[in-house]
Protein backbone atom coordinates (compact mmCIF):
# COMPACT_ATOMS: atom_id res chain seq x y z
CA MET A 1 -7.01 25.72 8.39
CA ARG A 2 -9.49 22.84 8.43
CA ALA A 3 -10.99 20.21 10.72
CA GLY A 4 -8.27 17.98 12.14
CA ASP A 5 -5.62 20.70 12.37
CA SER A 6 -4.05 21.37 15.77
CA LEU A 7 -3.39 24.81 17.27
CA ASN A 8 -1.02 25.92 20.00
CA VAL A 9 -2.26 29.17 21.54
CA THR A 10 -0.22 31.30 23.95
CA ILE A 11 -1.99 34.20 25.72
CA TRP A 12 0.04 36.96 27.36
CA ASP A 13 -1.60 39.24 29.95
CA SER A 14 0.21 41.55 32.38
CA ALA A 15 -2.96 42.85 34.08
CA GLU A 16 -3.47 42.16 37.79
CA ASN A 17 -6.31 39.78 38.71
CA SER A 18 -6.59 38.52 35.14
CA LEU A 19 -9.30 35.90 34.64
CA LEU A 20 -6.95 33.94 32.44
CA MET A 21 -3.87 33.88 34.68
CA ALA A 22 -3.01 32.52 38.10
CA PRO A 23 -1.56 35.01 40.59
CA GLY A 24 1.94 36.04 39.49
CA GLN A 25 1.49 34.38 36.12
CA ARG A 26 1.90 36.39 32.92
CA ARG A 27 1.21 33.77 30.23
CA VAL A 28 -0.89 30.69 29.67
CA ASP A 29 -0.27 27.99 27.07
CA LEU A 30 -3.16 26.14 25.44
CA THR A 31 -1.59 23.32 23.44
CA ALA A 32 -2.92 20.80 20.92
CA LEU A 33 -6.30 22.48 20.45
CA ARG A 34 -7.82 20.32 17.73
CA VAL A 35 -10.12 21.97 15.21
CA SER A 36 -13.43 20.11 15.51
CA GLU A 37 -15.50 18.74 12.67
CA ASN A 38 -17.63 21.90 12.72
CA GLY A 39 -14.49 24.05 12.43
CA THR A 40 -14.25 25.44 15.98
CA ILE A 41 -11.87 25.42 18.95
CA PHE A 42 -12.76 26.00 22.61
CA ILE A 43 -11.09 28.76 24.67
CA PRO A 44 -11.88 29.05 28.42
CA TYR A 45 -14.01 32.11 29.34
CA VAL A 46 -14.54 32.76 25.64
CA GLY A 47 -16.25 29.64 24.35
CA LYS A 48 -16.19 28.18 20.88
CA ILE A 49 -14.44 30.19 18.17
CA ARG A 50 -14.79 29.31 14.50
CA VAL A 51 -11.38 29.11 12.81
CA SER A 52 -11.98 26.87 9.79
CA ASP A 53 -11.25 28.35 6.35
CA ARG A 54 -9.07 31.01 7.99
CA THR A 55 -5.34 31.59 7.81
CA PRO A 56 -3.39 31.37 11.11
CA ASP A 57 -3.09 35.18 11.18
CA SER A 58 -6.82 35.63 10.62
CA ALA A 59 -7.62 33.09 13.35
CA ARG A 60 -5.25 34.87 15.77
CA GLU A 61 -6.92 38.22 15.10
CA THR A 62 -10.37 36.70 15.67
CA LEU A 63 -9.27 35.20 18.99
CA GLN A 64 -7.67 38.52 19.99
CA ARG A 65 -10.96 40.37 19.44
CA GLN A 66 -12.92 37.77 21.40
CA LEU A 67 -10.54 38.12 24.38
CA GLU A 68 -10.85 41.92 24.58
CA ALA A 69 -14.13 41.65 26.50
CA ILE A 70 -12.49 39.82 29.44
CA ALA A 71 -8.81 40.77 29.05
CA PRO A 72 -8.41 44.08 27.18
CA GLY A 73 -4.61 44.00 27.34
CA ALA A 74 -4.12 40.38 26.42
CA GLN A 75 -1.92 39.44 23.45
CA VAL A 76 -2.33 36.21 21.51
CA GLN A 77 0.30 34.06 19.81
CA LEU A 78 -0.92 31.18 17.61
CA ALA A 79 0.85 28.32 15.80
CA MET A 80 -0.85 25.76 13.57
CA MET A 81 0.06 22.14 12.83
CA GLU A 82 -1.75 20.51 9.95
CA GLY A 83 -3.64 17.38 10.83
CA ARG A 84 -3.39 14.04 9.08
CA THR A 85 -6.83 14.62 7.63
CA ASN A 86 -5.36 17.43 5.50
CA SER A 87 -2.38 15.61 4.03
CA VAL A 88 -1.47 12.52 2.01
CA ASP A 89 1.61 10.32 1.91
CA MET A 90 3.65 9.74 -1.26
CA ILE A 91 5.36 6.47 -0.40
CA GLY A 92 7.69 5.93 -3.35
CA GLY A 93 8.29 5.98 -7.08
CA VAL A 94 8.51 9.78 -7.15
CA ASN A 95 11.47 12.14 -6.98
CA SER A 96 10.51 13.65 -3.60
CA PRO A 97 8.50 11.17 -1.49
CA GLY A 98 7.01 12.22 1.82
CA ASN A 99 3.97 13.80 3.44
CA ILE A 100 2.18 16.36 1.26
CA SER A 101 -0.29 18.94 2.52
CA MET A 102 -3.50 19.29 0.54
CA PRO A 103 -4.09 22.96 -0.36
CA ASP A 104 -7.80 22.40 -1.07
CA GLN A 105 -10.51 19.75 -1.39
CA ASP A 106 -9.87 19.28 -5.12
CA PHE A 107 -6.35 17.90 -4.64
CA SER A 108 -6.06 14.86 -6.96
CA VAL A 109 -3.71 11.94 -7.54
CA LEU A 110 -1.91 13.65 -10.43
CA ALA A 111 -1.60 16.86 -8.41
CA ALA A 112 0.05 14.90 -5.58
CA ILE A 113 2.47 13.22 -8.00
CA SER A 114 3.36 16.62 -9.44
CA ALA A 115 3.88 18.09 -5.95
CA ALA A 116 6.23 15.19 -5.19
CA GLY A 117 8.49 16.06 -8.12
CA GLY A 118 7.02 13.72 -10.70
CA VAL A 119 7.52 10.03 -11.38
CA SER A 120 11.01 8.53 -11.20
CA ALA A 121 12.46 8.08 -14.69
CA SER A 122 13.74 4.61 -13.80
CA LEU A 123 10.26 3.06 -13.72
CA THR A 124 9.01 1.08 -16.74
CA ASN A 125 5.30 1.58 -17.45
CA PRO A 126 4.71 3.02 -13.95
CA ARG A 127 1.56 2.02 -12.13
CA VAL A 128 -0.21 4.08 -9.46
CA LYS A 129 -1.54 2.45 -6.30
CA LEU A 130 -3.92 4.34 -4.00
CA VAL A 131 -4.40 2.96 -0.48
CA ARG A 132 -7.47 4.37 1.27
CA ALA A 133 -8.55 2.91 4.60
CA ASN A 134 -8.70 -0.85 3.92
CA GLN A 135 -9.11 -0.58 0.15
CA THR A 136 -6.42 -0.58 -2.55
CA TYR A 137 -6.96 0.79 -6.06
CA ARG A 138 -4.55 0.39 -9.01
CA THR A 139 -4.20 1.82 -12.48
CA SER A 140 -1.39 2.73 -14.84
CA LEU A 141 -0.01 6.24 -15.09
CA SER A 142 -0.73 6.26 -18.83
CA ARG A 143 -4.44 5.54 -18.23
CA LEU A 144 -4.51 8.23 -15.57
CA LEU A 145 -3.08 10.76 -18.00
CA ASP A 146 -5.36 9.69 -20.86
CA ASP A 147 -8.62 9.65 -18.87
CA PRO A 148 -9.15 12.65 -16.54
CA LYS A 149 -12.15 10.88 -14.95
CA LEU A 150 -9.70 8.46 -13.29
CA ASP A 151 -7.80 11.30 -11.59
CA THR A 152 -9.43 10.73 -8.20
CA ARG A 153 -9.76 13.48 -5.60
CA LEU A 154 -7.77 12.55 -2.51
CA ASN A 155 -8.90 12.25 1.09
CA GLY A 156 -6.73 13.07 4.06
CA GLY A 157 -4.61 10.11 5.11
CA ASP A 158 -4.54 8.52 1.64
CA GLN A 159 -1.33 6.80 0.61
CA ILE A 160 -0.04 6.86 -2.97
CA ILE A 161 2.62 4.50 -4.29
CA VAL A 162 4.05 4.71 -7.79
CA GLU A 163 5.71 1.44 -8.76
CA LYS A 164 6.99 -0.36 -11.81
CA ASP A 165 4.72 -2.74 -13.68
CA GLY A 166 5.55 -6.16 -12.26
CA ARG A 167 3.97 -8.10 -15.13
CA TYR A 168 6.19 -10.01 -17.55
CA PHE A 169 6.18 -12.73 -20.20
CA LEU A 170 8.81 -15.25 -21.31
CA SER A 171 10.15 -16.21 -24.71
CA LEU A 172 11.84 -19.50 -25.69
CA GLY A 173 12.65 -21.57 -28.73
CA ALA A 174 13.56 -20.16 -32.13
CA ALA A 175 12.82 -16.60 -31.03
CA GLY A 176 14.98 -13.60 -31.67
CA SER A 177 15.78 -13.52 -27.94
CA GLU A 178 15.16 -15.99 -25.12
CA SER A 179 14.53 -13.97 -22.00
CA GLN A 180 12.01 -12.44 -19.58
CA PHE A 181 10.33 -9.27 -20.84
CA PRO A 182 8.47 -6.71 -18.69
CA PHE A 183 5.21 -5.23 -19.94
CA ASN A 184 6.00 -1.84 -21.48
CA ARG A 185 2.34 -0.78 -21.77
CA ASP A 186 -1.05 -1.58 -20.31
CA GLN A 187 -1.92 -4.20 -22.91
CA VAL A 188 0.69 -6.20 -24.82
CA SER A 189 -0.63 -8.09 -27.84
CA ALA A 190 0.98 -11.22 -29.26
CA LEU A 191 2.25 -9.08 -32.13
CA ASP A 192 3.74 -6.60 -29.63
CA ALA A 193 5.37 -9.50 -27.79
CA LEU A 194 6.95 -10.81 -30.99
CA SER A 195 8.30 -7.35 -31.69
CA LEU A 196 9.77 -7.10 -28.16
CA ILE A 197 11.56 -10.44 -28.46
CA GLY A 198 13.02 -9.53 -31.85
CA GLY A 199 10.68 -11.66 -33.95
CA VAL A 200 11.52 -15.27 -34.82
CA ASP A 201 14.71 -16.73 -36.25
CA ASP A 202 14.40 -16.79 -40.05
CA ASN A 203 16.59 -19.90 -40.35
CA ARG A 204 15.17 -21.96 -37.50
CA ALA A 205 11.62 -20.94 -36.66
CA ASN A 206 8.37 -22.33 -37.98
CA PRO A 207 6.24 -19.19 -38.63
CA LYS A 208 3.11 -21.35 -38.61
CA GLY A 209 3.81 -22.59 -35.13
CA VAL A 210 4.19 -19.70 -32.66
CA LEU A 211 2.71 -20.98 -29.39
CA ILE A 212 1.37 -19.03 -26.40
CA LEU A 213 1.43 -21.24 -23.29
CA ARG A 214 -0.82 -20.01 -20.49
CA GLU A 215 -1.76 -21.38 -17.09
CA TYR A 216 -4.94 -19.96 -15.57
CA PRO A 217 -5.44 -19.79 -11.80
CA ALA A 218 -7.65 -22.50 -10.38
CA SER A 219 -10.17 -19.84 -9.34
CA ALA A 220 -10.80 -19.03 -13.03
CA LEU A 221 -12.20 -22.51 -13.63
CA GLY A 222 -15.77 -22.97 -12.56
CA ALA A 223 -18.81 -24.94 -13.67
CA GLY A 224 -21.43 -22.82 -15.41
CA GLN A 225 -19.12 -19.82 -15.73
CA ARG A 226 -17.69 -18.22 -18.82
CA GLY A 227 -13.97 -18.77 -19.02
CA PRO A 228 -11.35 -21.42 -19.71
CA ARG A 229 -12.30 -25.09 -19.56
CA GLN A 230 -8.78 -26.20 -18.69
CA GLN A 231 -6.16 -24.70 -16.42
CA ARG A 232 -3.34 -25.12 -18.94
CA VAL A 233 -4.04 -23.87 -22.46
CA VAL A 234 -1.89 -23.54 -25.59
CA PHE A 235 -2.79 -21.00 -28.30
CA THR A 236 -1.30 -21.30 -31.79
CA ILE A 237 -0.57 -18.36 -34.09
CA ASP A 238 0.17 -18.68 -37.81
CA LEU A 239 2.26 -15.73 -38.99
CA THR A 240 2.06 -16.74 -42.67
CA THR A 241 -1.56 -15.62 -43.18
CA SER A 242 -3.27 -12.26 -42.88
CA ASP A 243 -5.86 -13.77 -40.57
CA GLY A 244 -3.10 -15.03 -38.29
CA LEU A 245 -1.45 -11.60 -38.18
CA PHE A 246 -4.76 -9.89 -37.35
CA SER A 247 -5.37 -12.50 -34.64
CA ALA A 248 -1.90 -11.88 -33.21
CA ARG A 249 -2.64 -8.16 -33.01
CA ASN A 250 -5.92 -8.75 -31.19
CA PHE A 251 -4.70 -11.50 -28.84
CA PHE A 252 -3.43 -10.04 -25.56
CA ILE A 253 -0.66 -11.55 -23.47
CA ASN A 254 -1.22 -12.33 -19.79
CA SER A 255 1.47 -11.93 -17.17
CA GLY A 256 3.47 -15.14 -16.95
CA ASP A 257 2.67 -16.32 -20.49
CA LEU A 258 5.34 -18.17 -22.44
CA VAL A 259 5.84 -17.26 -26.10
CA LEU A 260 7.41 -20.31 -27.78
CA ALA A 261 8.67 -20.15 -31.36
CA THR A 262 8.77 -23.75 -32.52
CA GLU A 263 11.51 -25.19 -34.72
CA SER A 264 10.87 -25.60 -38.44
CA PRO A 265 10.92 -29.24 -39.71
CA VAL A 266 13.21 -28.06 -42.51
CA SER A 267 15.68 -26.85 -39.90
CA SER A 268 15.83 -30.33 -38.36
CA VAL A 269 16.45 -31.90 -41.78
CA ARG A 270 19.26 -29.43 -42.39
CA VAL A 271 20.87 -30.32 -39.07
CA VAL A 272 20.70 -34.06 -39.85
CA ALA A 273 22.00 -33.51 -43.38
CA GLY A 274 24.82 -31.41 -42.03
CA LEU A 275 25.78 -34.12 -39.59
CA ILE A 276 25.75 -36.79 -42.35
CA GLY A 277 27.81 -34.55 -44.61
CA SER A 278 30.32 -34.01 -41.83
CA ALA A 279 30.58 -37.75 -41.25
CA PHE A 280 31.25 -38.45 -44.95
CA GLY A 281 33.81 -35.68 -44.99
CA LEU A 282 35.56 -37.22 -42.00
CA ILE A 283 35.59 -40.68 -43.66
CA ASN A 284 37.03 -39.27 -46.90
CA ALA A 285 39.69 -37.41 -44.95
CA THR A 286 40.59 -40.62 -43.10
CA ASN A 287 40.88 -42.61 -46.37
């Protein structure tokens, strides 16, 4: 047991004129005895008894020995309730959410996730949120697994939430698929994004004109600061050159970006030519 735990102590004594009992009484209940910061509890006529770092049985035996001086025949019954300072809450995103007791002071985020049955398989690129007092910390599960230094030791009362990655990007135009795509990893490059959307349409797209449309928050714009000069910016990627492909691999998508595969000019000419050909075919059929 540790500081913050609560103990319920019942003392039984059948002796006459017992210091601990009122006349005719055979038991006394001492409830909700909170273990202090220095690891002790207070028992009347006995004083402070150190119980920290002991099991409930060991603490009961210690209290029993201390009572022998004033009540030789007394018997002690002890029950412990772990305090909030010795447990954490797994809010969601795991197979068995709930309150988890910390077995020691080295209990970490990954240990808590493991004790809660692991992360739910339905989450895409799960992210871990730690709420401590008035502060919130976030990282991805993959980073937590890759870098042991990020596996923070928990404090009593911490709350852990495992949730899906809410970031996404959009694709439109002559892309393989026009849809909304969630981030499937911590960093999604432009090349990754093109792979997720199924590339560009070979018959319609202009491989020299893949556009990334991005809108920065107003707070990112500031005089004398490094960053974007305009709130709305369009980046162009040319997939027909090696330099363009390298740039696409090193350019990272932001949440909310729009990947637009522009139409090829040749495709427009083909559409017009097809319409003209259809018109002439209709005229010939009429004649």
